[in-house]
Amino acid sequence: MENEFHSLLDLYKKVYPALSNRKRDIYKLGKTYIKEEDIWNCLKESKWKSTSNLTLSEMVNDILCCDLDLLDNYIKKQISLIDRKVNLDNN
């Protein structure tokens, strides 16, 4: 089948053009720190986690319409999980 994927990587590659397009739109709004993988991970871990039998068109629609606040909050949460330390180097 044309829409059958053997791995998440295959699926990611298939929807990458939509991810790239959404990233470009978000970049124009000044959110230059959001990347394609952030959009993918956010949707995968929130919206798509509890959904089954998604069609490719539904996924693309979710990507293109992904809420900027949802993405921003997702990234802030990811940053809060990073163990940050004080830089005491002289450089």
PDB file of N, CA and C in Angstrom:
ATOM      1  N   MET A   1       0.826  -1.191   0.000  1.00  0.00           N
ATOM      2  CA  MET A   1       0.000   0.000   0.000  1.00  0.00           C
ATOM      3  C   MET A   1       0.867   1.251   0.000  1.00  0.00           C
ATOM      4  N   GLU A   2       0.385   2.269  -0.611  1.00  0.00           N
ATOM      5  CA  GLU A   2       1.125   3.519  -0.724  1.00  0.00           C
ATOM      6  C   GLU A   2       1.290   4.223   0.619  1.00  0.00           C
ATOM      7  N   ASN A   3       0.293   4.179   1.489  1.00  0.00           N
ATOM      8  CA  ASN A   3       0.344   4.877   2.766  1.00  0.00           C
ATOM      9  C   ASN A   3       0.720   3.973   3.931  1.00  0.00           C
ATOM     10  N   GLU A   4       1.342   2.848   3.648  1.00  0.00           N
ATOM     11  CA  GLU A   4       1.789   1.955   4.702  1.00  0.00           C
ATOM     12  C   GLU A   4       3.245   2.268   5.003  1.00  0.00           C
ATOM     13  N   PHE A   5       3.550   2.462   6.275  1.00  0.00           N
ATOM     14  CA  PHE A   5       4.894   2.828   6.674  1.00  0.00           C
ATOM     15  C   PHE A   5       5.473   1.739   7.549  1.00  0.00           C
ATOM     16  N   HIS A   6       6.740   1.450   7.342  1.00  0.00           N
ATOM     17  CA  HIS A   6       7.388   0.369   8.069  1.00  0.00           C
ATOM     18  C   HIS A   6       8.064   0.847   9.339  1.00  0.00           C
ATOM     19  N   SER A   7       8.198   2.158   9.492  1.00  0.00           N
ATOM     20  CA  SER A   7       8.809   2.705  10.695  1.00  0.00           C
ATOM     21  C   SER A   7       8.348   4.144  10.886  1.00  0.00           C
ATOM     22  N   LEU A   8       8.597   4.643  12.080  1.00  0.00           N
ATOM     23  CA  LEU A   8       8.285   6.043  12.332  1.00  0.00           C
ATOM     24  C   LEU A   8       9.174   6.952  11.496  1.00  0.00           C
ATOM     25  N   LEU A   9      10.387   6.504  11.222  1.00  0.00           N
ATOM     26  CA  LEU A   9      11.285   7.286  10.377  1.00  0.00           C
ATOM     27  C   LEU A   9      10.704   7.447   8.977  1.00  0.00           C
ATOM     28  N   ASP A  10      10.136   6.373   8.424  1.00  0.00           N
ATOM     29  CA  ASP A  10       9.484   6.460   7.107  1.00  0.00           C
ATOM     30  C   ASP A  10       8.339   7.478   7.138  1.00  0.00           C
ATOM     31  N   LEU A  11       7.550   7.422   8.190  1.00  0.00           N
ATOM     32  CA  LEU A  11       6.430   8.347   8.321  1.00  0.00           C
ATOM     33  C   LEU A  11       6.927   9.780   8.481  1.00  0.00           C
ATOM     34  N   TYR A  12       7.947   9.967   9.299  1.00  0.00           N
ATOM     35  CA  TYR A  12       8.529  11.291   9.503  1.00  0.00           C
ATOM     36  C   TYR A  12       9.009  11.873   8.175  1.00  0.00           C
ATOM     37  N   LYS A  13       9.687  11.066   7.384  1.00  0.00           N
ATOM     38  CA  LYS A  13      10.171  11.526   6.083  1.00  0.00           C
ATOM     39  C   LYS A  13       9.012  11.909   5.159  1.00  0.00           C
ATOM     40  N   LYS A  14       7.926  11.180   5.255  1.00  0.00           N
ATOM     41  CA  LYS A  14       6.767  11.450   4.397  1.00  0.00           C
ATOM     42  C   LYS A  14       6.100  12.785   4.750  1.00  0.00           C
ATOM     43  N   VAL A  15       6.033  13.097   6.041  1.00  0.00           N
ATOM     44  CA  VAL A  15       5.370  14.333   6.459  1.00  0.00           C
ATOM     45  C   VAL A  15       6.345  15.503   6.613  1.00  0.00           C
ATOM     46  N   TYR A  16       7.622  15.259   6.377  1.00  0.00           N
ATOM     47  CA  TYR A  16       8.630  16.306   6.558  1.00  0.00           C
ATOM     48  C   TYR A  16       8.320  17.588   5.769  1.00  0.00           C
ATOM     49  N   PRO A  17       7.855  17.507   4.528  1.00  0.00           N
ATOM     50  CA  PRO A  17       7.532  18.754   3.817  1.00  0.00           C
ATOM     51  C   PRO A  17       6.504  19.612   4.571  1.00  0.00           C
ATOM     52  N   ALA A  18       5.534  18.996   5.187  1.00  0.00           N
ATOM     53  CA  ALA A  18       4.541  19.748   5.971  1.00  0.00           C
ATOM     54  C   ALA A  18       5.197  20.342   7.217  1.00  0.00           C
ATOM     55  N   LEU A  19       6.068  19.575   7.856  1.00  0.00           N
ATOM     56  CA  LEU A  19       6.792  20.073   9.030  1.00  0.00           C
ATOM     57  C   LEU A  19       7.649  21.281   8.653  1.00  0.00           C
ATOM     58  N   SER A  20       8.331  21.170   7.541  1.00  0.00           N
ATOM     59  CA  SER A  20       9.192  22.249   7.071  1.00  0.00           C
ATOM     60  C   SER A  20       8.372  23.504   6.740  1.00  0.00           C
ATOM     61  N   ASN A  21       7.232  23.302   6.119  1.00  0.00           N
ATOM     62  CA  ASN A  21       6.348  24.410   5.778  1.00  0.00           C
ATOM     63  C   ASN A  21       5.853  25.108   7.040  1.00  0.00           C
ATOM     64  N   ARG A  22       5.428  24.341   8.029  1.00  0.00           N
ATOM     65  CA  ARG A  22       4.926  24.918   9.284  1.00  0.00           C
ATOM     66  C   ARG A  22       6.044  25.657  10.011  1.00  0.00           C
ATOM     67  N   LYS A  23       7.247  25.073  10.013  1.00  0.00           N
ATOM     68  CA  LYS A  23       8.382  25.738  10.644  1.00  0.00           C
ATOM     69  C   LYS A  23       8.639  27.088   9.985  1.00  0.00           C
ATOM     70  N   ARG A  24       8.573  27.145   8.681  1.00  0.00           N
ATOM     71  CA  ARG A  24       8.780  28.387   7.944  1.00  0.00           C
ATOM     72  C   ARG A  24       7.730  29.433   8.338  1.00  0.00           C
ATOM     73  N   ASP A  25       6.482  29.014   8.459  1.00  0.00           N
ATOM     74  CA  ASP A  25       5.415  29.925   8.877  1.00  0.00           C
ATOM     75  C   ASP A  25       5.666  30.462  10.287  1.00  0.00           C
ATOM     76  N   ILE A  26       6.093  29.584  11.165  1.00  0.00           N
ATOM     77  CA  ILE A  26       6.352  29.968  12.556  1.00  0.00           C
ATOM     78  C   ILE A  26       7.563  30.899  12.628  1.00  0.00           C
ATOM     79  N   TYR A  27       8.560  30.618  11.811  1.00  0.00           N
ATOM     80  CA  TYR A  27       9.763  31.453  11.755  1.00  0.00           C
ATOM     81  C   TYR A  27       9.392  32.889  11.399  1.00  0.00           C
ATOM     82  N   LYS A  28       8.459  33.058  10.472  1.00  0.00           N
ATOM     83  CA  LYS A  28       8.018  34.394  10.054  1.00  0.00           C
ATOM     84  C   LYS A  28       7.342  35.153  11.198  1.00  0.00           C
ATOM     85  N   LEU A  29       6.827  34.413  12.173  1.00  0.00           N
ATOM     86  CA  LEU A  29       6.184  35.030  13.339  1.00  0.00           C
ATOM     87  C   LEU A  29       7.195  35.357  14.439  1.00  0.00           C
ATOM     88  N   GLY A  30       8.476  35.103  14.165  1.00  0.00           N
ATOM     89  CA  GLY A  30       9.531  35.445  15.122  1.00  0.00           C
ATOM     90  C   GLY A  30       9.954  34.327  16.044  1.00  0.00           C
ATOM     91  N   LYS A  31       9.356  33.169  15.911  1.00  0.00           N
ATOM     92  CA  LYS A  31       9.710  32.026  16.764  1.00  0.00           C
ATOM     93  C   LYS A  31      10.773  31.195  16.048  1.00  0.00           C
ATOM     94  N   THR A  32      11.983  31.738  15.980  1.00  0.00           N
ATOM     95  CA  THR A  32      13.050  31.125  15.187  1.00  0.00           C
ATOM     96  C   THR A  32      13.686  29.919  15.859  1.00  0.00           C
ATOM     97  N   TYR A  33      13.335  29.648  17.093  1.00  0.00           N
ATOM     98  CA  TYR A  33      13.915  28.524  17.825  1.00  0.00           C
ATOM     99  C   TYR A  33      13.140  27.218  17.634  1.00  0.00           C
ATOM    100  N   ILE A  34      11.977  27.266  17.029  1.00  0.00           N
ATOM    101  CA  ILE A  34      11.171  26.060  16.817  1.00  0.00           C
ATOM    102  C   ILE A  34      11.638  25.357  15.555  1.00  0.00           C
ATOM    103  N   LYS A  35      11.897  24.049  15.684  1.00  0.00           N
ATOM    104  CA  LYS A  35      12.394  23.249  14.569  1.00  0.00           C
ATOM    105  C   LYS A  35      11.357  22.207  14.168  1.00  0.00           C
ATOM    106  N   GLU A  36      11.597  21.595  13.025  1.00  0.00           N
ATOM    107  CA  GLU A  36      10.680  20.567  12.524  1.00  0.00           C
ATOM    108  C   GLU A  36      10.502  19.441  13.546  1.00  0.00           C
ATOM    109  N   GLU A  37      11.610  19.033  14.156  1.00  0.00           N
ATOM    110  CA  GLU A  37      11.523  17.928  15.118  1.00  0.00           C
ATOM    111  C   GLU A  37      10.723  18.316  16.358  1.00  0.00           C
ATOM    112  N   ASP A  38      10.707  19.600  16.710  1.00  0.00           N
ATOM    113  CA  ASP A  38       9.882  20.046  17.834  1.00  0.00           C
ATOM    114  C   ASP A  38       8.398  19.869  17.514  1.00  0.00           C
ATOM    115  N   ILE A  39       8.023  20.230  16.305  1.00  0.00           N
ATOM    116  CA  ILE A  39       6.621  20.094  15.885  1.00  0.00           C
ATOM    117  C   ILE A  39       6.221  18.619  15.894  1.00  0.00           C
ATOM    118  N   TRP A  40       7.060  17.775  15.304  1.00  0.00           N
ATOM    119  CA  TRP A  40       6.816  16.333  15.264  1.00  0.00           C
ATOM    120  C   TRP A  40       6.681  15.771  16.677  1.00  0.00           C
ATOM    121  N   ASN A  41       7.672  16.042  17.524  1.00  0.00           N
ATOM    122  CA  ASN A  41       7.681  15.483  18.878  1.00  0.00           C
ATOM    123  C   ASN A  41       6.491  15.966  19.693  1.00  0.00           C
ATOM    124  N   CYS A  42       6.163  17.236  19.563  1.00  0.00           N
ATOM    125  CA  CYS A  42       5.026  17.790  20.296  1.00  0.00           C
ATOM    126  C   CYS A  42       3.735  17.074  19.919  1.00  0.00           C
ATOM    127  N   LEU A  43       3.479  16.954  18.637  1.00  0.00           N
ATOM    128  CA  LEU A  43       2.249  16.283  18.191  1.00  0.00           C
ATOM    129  C   LEU A  43       2.270  14.797  18.523  1.00  0.00           C
ATOM    130  N   LYS A  44       3.413  14.159  18.350  1.00  0.00           N
ATOM    131  CA  LYS A  44       3.530  12.725  18.638  1.00  0.00           C
ATOM    132  C   LYS A  44       3.267  12.440  20.109  1.00  0.00           C
ATOM    133  N   GLU A  45       3.786  13.307  20.981  1.00  0.00           N
ATOM    134  CA  GLU A  45       3.667  13.074  22.422  1.00  0.00           C
ATOM    135  C   GLU A  45       2.374  13.604  23.029  1.00  0.00           C
ATOM    136  N   SER A  46       1.666  14.449  22.298  1.00  0.00           N
ATOM    137  CA  SER A  46       0.418  14.981  22.850  1.00  0.00           C
ATOM    138  C   SER A  46      -0.789  14.529  22.030  1.00  0.00           C
ATOM    139  N   LYS A  47      -0.966  15.083  20.883  1.00  0.00           N
ATOM    140  CA  LYS A  47      -2.185  14.854  20.096  1.00  0.00           C
ATOM    141  C   LYS A  47      -2.283  13.437  19.536  1.00  0.00           C
ATOM    142  N   TRP A  48      -1.191  12.917  18.995  1.00  0.00           N
ATOM    143  CA  TRP A  48      -1.250  11.623  18.314  1.00  0.00           C
ATOM    144  C   TRP A  48      -1.093  10.440  19.258  1.00  0.00           C
ATOM    145  N   LYS A  49      -0.640  10.670  20.468  1.00  0.00           N
ATOM    146  CA  LYS A  49      -0.380   9.577  21.412  1.00  0.00           C
ATOM    147  C   LYS A  49      -1.641   8.773  21.718  1.00  0.00           C
ATOM    148  N   SER A  50      -2.746   9.459  21.849  1.00  0.00           N
ATOM    149  CA  SER A  50      -3.991   8.785  22.236  1.00  0.00           C
ATOM    150  C   SER A  50      -4.913   8.526  21.041  1.00  0.00           C
ATOM    151  N   THR A  51      -4.389   8.671  19.850  1.00  0.00           N
ATOM    152  CA  THR A  51      -5.194   8.497  18.644  1.00  0.00           C
ATOM    153  C   THR A  51      -4.691   7.310  17.847  1.00  0.00           C
ATOM    154  N   SER A  52      -5.598   6.570  17.275  1.00  0.00           N
ATOM    155  CA  SER A  52      -5.187   5.445  16.436  1.00  0.00           C
ATOM    156  C   SER A  52      -5.799   5.598  15.044  1.00  0.00           C
ATOM    157  N   ASN A  53      -5.216   4.903  14.106  1.00  0.00           N
ATOM    158  CA  ASN A  53      -5.674   4.888  12.719  1.00  0.00           C
ATOM    159  C   ASN A  53      -5.730   6.279  12.078  1.00  0.00           C
ATOM    160  N   LEU A  54      -4.754   7.102  12.396  1.00  0.00           N
ATOM    161  CA  LEU A  54      -4.662   8.415  11.755  1.00  0.00           C
ATOM    162  C   LEU A  54      -4.328   8.254  10.285  1.00  0.00           C
ATOM    163  N   THR A  55      -4.936   9.061   9.477  1.00  0.00           N
ATOM    164  CA  THR A  55      -4.573   9.056   8.064  1.00  0.00           C
ATOM    165  C   THR A  55      -3.436  10.056   7.860  1.00  0.00           C
ATOM    166  N   LEU A  56      -2.753   9.898   6.761  1.00  0.00           N
ATOM    167  CA  LEU A  56      -1.672  10.811   6.429  1.00  0.00           C
ATOM    168  C   LEU A  56      -2.204  12.235   6.297  1.00  0.00           C
ATOM    169  N   SER A  57      -3.357  12.388   5.697  1.00  0.00           N
ATOM    170  CA  SER A  57      -3.933  13.731   5.537  1.00  0.00           C
ATOM    171  C   SER A  57      -4.296  14.358   6.887  1.00  0.00           C
ATOM    172  N   GLU A  58      -4.753  13.562   7.835  1.00  0.00           N
ATOM    173  CA  GLU A  58      -5.050  14.085   9.172  1.00  0.00           C
ATOM    174  C   GLU A  58      -3.770  14.552   9.865  1.00  0.00           C
ATOM    175  N   MET A  59      -2.706  13.789   9.701  1.00  0.00           N
ATOM    176  CA  MET A  59      -1.427  14.164  10.309  1.00  0.00           C
ATOM    177  C   MET A  59      -0.906  15.463   9.691  1.00  0.00           C
ATOM    178  N   VAL A  60      -0.974  15.562   8.378  1.00  0.00           N
ATOM    179  CA  VAL A  60      -0.515  16.771   7.697  1.00  0.00           C
ATOM    180  C   VAL A  60      -1.350  17.966   8.147  1.00  0.00           C
ATOM    181  N   ASN A  61      -2.652  17.791   8.260  1.00  0.00           N
ATOM    182  CA  ASN A  61      -3.513  18.864   8.735  1.00  0.00           C
ATOM    183  C   ASN A  61      -3.139  19.284  10.152  1.00  0.00           C
ATOM    184  N   ASP A  62      -2.890  18.311  11.030  1.00  0.00           N
ATOM    185  CA  ASP A  62      -2.465  18.624  12.398  1.00  0.00           C
ATOM    186  C   ASP A  62      -1.169  19.425  12.394  1.00  0.00           C
ATOM    187  N   ILE A  63      -0.244  19.052  11.533  1.00  0.00           N
ATOM    188  CA  ILE A  63       1.040  19.758  11.447  1.00  0.00           C
ATOM    189  C   ILE A  63       0.825  21.196  10.988  1.00  0.00           C
ATOM    190  N   LEU A  64       0.093  21.370   9.918  1.00  0.00           N
ATOM    191  CA  LEU A  64      -0.086  22.699   9.340  1.00  0.00           C
ATOM    192  C   LEU A  64      -0.916  23.623  10.225  1.00  0.00           C
ATOM    193  N   CYS A  65      -1.744  23.040  11.074  1.00  0.00           N
ATOM    194  CA  CYS A  65      -2.609  23.835  11.953  1.00  0.00           C
ATOM    195  C   CYS A  65      -2.160  23.797  13.414  1.00  0.00           C
ATOM    196  N   CYS A  66      -0.990  23.266  13.656  1.00  0.00           N
ATOM    197  CA  CYS A  66      -0.503  23.113  15.033  1.00  0.00           C
ATOM    198  C   CYS A  66      -0.447  24.470  15.739  1.00  0.00           C
ATOM    199  N   ASP A  67      -1.042  24.524  16.900  1.00  0.00           N
ATOM    200  CA  ASP A  67      -1.138  25.733  17.691  1.00  0.00           C
ATOM    201  C   ASP A  67       0.238  26.182  18.183  1.00  0.00           C
ATOM    202  N   LEU A  68       0.559  27.430  17.967  1.00  0.00           N
ATOM    203  CA  LEU A  68       1.857  27.970  18.353  1.00  0.00           C
ATOM    204  C   LEU A  68       2.050  27.945  19.870  1.00  0.00           C
ATOM    205  N   ASP A  69       1.003  28.216  20.626  1.00  0.00           N
ATOM    206  CA  ASP A  69       1.108  28.168  22.089  1.00  0.00           C
ATOM    207  C   ASP A  69       1.398  26.749  22.567  1.00  0.00           C
ATOM    208  N   LEU A  70       0.776  25.760  21.946  1.00  0.00           N
ATOM    209  CA  LEU A  70       1.039  24.363  22.283  1.00  0.00           C
ATOM    210  C   LEU A  70       2.515  24.042  22.062  1.00  0.00           C
ATOM    211  N   LEU A  71       3.054  24.455  20.920  1.00  0.00           N
ATOM    212  CA  LEU A  71       4.467  24.220  20.620  1.00  0.00           C
ATOM    213  C   LEU A  71       5.374  24.942  21.595  1.00  0.00           C
ATOM    214  N   ASP A  72       5.072  26.184  21.868  1.00  0.00           N
ATOM    215  CA  ASP A  72       5.887  26.987  22.776  1.00  0.00           C
ATOM    216  C   ASP A  72       5.916  26.362  24.166  1.00  0.00           C
ATOM    217  N   ASN A  73       4.762  25.949  24.665  1.00  0.00           N
ATOM    218  CA  ASN A  73       4.687  25.308  25.982  1.00  0.00           C
ATOM    219  C   ASN A  73       5.429  23.975  25.992  1.00  0.00           C
ATOM    220  N   TYR A  74       5.333  23.228  24.900  1.00  0.00           N
ATOM    221  CA  TYR A  74       6.047  21.956  24.790  1.00  0.00           C
ATOM    222  C   TYR A  74       7.558  22.187  24.893  1.00  0.00           C
ATOM    223  N   ILE A  75       8.057  23.173  24.173  1.00  0.00           N
ATOM    224  CA  ILE A  75       9.489  23.444  24.190  1.00  0.00           C
ATOM    225  C   ILE A  75       9.935  23.925  25.569  1.00  0.00           C
ATOM    226  N   LYS A  76       9.149  24.765  26.199  1.00  0.00           N
ATOM    227  CA  LYS A  76       9.477  25.222  27.555  1.00  0.00           C
ATOM    228  C   LYS A  76       9.530  24.047  28.524  1.00  0.00           C
ATOM    229  N   LYS A  77       8.613  23.107  28.368  1.00  0.00           N
ATOM    230  CA  LYS A  77       8.625  21.917  29.228  1.00  0.00           C
ATOM    231  C   LYS A  77       9.892  21.101  28.985  1.00  0.00           C
ATOM    232  N   GLN A  78      10.282  20.941  27.726  1.00  0.00           N
ATOM    233  CA  GLN A  78      11.494  20.186  27.401  1.00  0.00           C
ATOM    234  C   GLN A  78      12.725  20.861  27.991  1.00  0.00           C
ATOM    235  N   ILE A  79      12.771  22.172  27.922  1.00  0.00           N
ATOM    236  CA  ILE A  79      13.902  22.910  28.489  1.00  0.00           C
ATOM    237  C   ILE A  79      13.950  22.739  30.002  1.00  0.00           C
ATOM    238  N   SER A  80      12.799  22.709  30.638  1.00  0.00           N
ATOM    239  CA  SER A  80      12.767  22.561  32.099  1.00  0.00           C
ATOM    240  C   SER A  80      13.293  21.199  32.541  1.00  0.00           C
ATOM    241  N   LEU A  81      13.309  20.223  31.647  1.00  0.00           N
ATOM    242  CA  LEU A  81      13.804  18.888  31.987  1.00  0.00           C
ATOM    243  C   LEU A  81      15.323  18.770  31.861  1.00  0.00           C
ATOM    244  N   ILE A  82      15.948  19.752  31.241  1.00  0.00           N
ATOM    245  CA  ILE A  82      17.394  19.728  31.038  1.00  0.00           C
ATOM    246  C   ILE A  82      18.087  20.164  32.324  1.00  0.00           C
ATOM    247  N   ASP A  83      19.117  19.426  32.696  1.00  0.00           N
ATOM    248  CA  ASP A  83      19.897  19.776  33.876  1.00  0.00           C
ATOM    249  C   ASP A  83      20.881  20.874  33.483  1.00  0.00           C
ATOM    250  N   ARG A  84      20.529  22.114  33.820  1.00  0.00           N
ATOM    251  CA  ARG A  84      21.382  23.247  33.474  1.00  0.00           C
ATOM    252  C   ARG A  84      22.273  23.575  34.653  1.00  0.00           C
ATOM    253  N   LYS A  85      23.491  23.989  34.329  1.00  0.00           N
ATOM    254  CA  LYS A  85      24.471  24.291  35.369  1.00  0.00           C
ATOM    255  C   LYS A  85      25.099  25.647  35.106  1.00  0.00           C
ATOM    256  N   VAL A  86      25.627  26.232  36.163  1.00  0.00           N
ATOM    257  CA  VAL A  86      26.320  27.504  36.069  1.00  0.00           C
ATOM    258  C   VAL A  86      27.641  27.286  35.350  1.00  0.00           C
ATOM    259  N   ASN A  87      27.939  28.143  34.395  1.00  0.00           N
ATOM    260  CA  ASN A  87      29.203  28.076  33.660  1.00  0.00           C
ATOM    261  C   ASN A  87      30.216  28.932  34.408  1.00  0.00           C
ATOM    262  N   LEU A  88      31.212  28.274  34.986  1.00  0.00           N
ATOM    263  CA  LEU A  88      32.231  28.995  35.752  1.00  0.00           C
ATOM    264  C   LEU A  88      33.575  29.021  35.031  1.00  0.00           C
ATOM    265  N   ASP A  89      33.564  28.702  33.746  1.00  0.00           N
ATOM    266  CA  ASP A  89      34.789  28.774  32.955  1.00  0.00           C
ATOM    267  C   ASP A  89      35.163  30.222  32.708  1.00  0.00           C
ATOM    268  N   ASN A  90      36.448  30.484  32.565  1.00  0.00           N
ATOM    269  CA  ASN A  90      36.940  31.833  32.299  1.00  0.00           C
ATOM    270  C   ASN A  90      36.767  32.230  30.841  1.00  0.00           C
ATOM    271  N   ASN A  91      36.375  31.348  29.997  1.00  0.00           N
ATOM    272  CA  ASN A  91      36.264  31.641  28.562  1.00  0.00           C
ATOM    273  C   ASN A  91      34.996  32.352  28.222  1.00  0.00           C
TER     274      ASN A  91
END
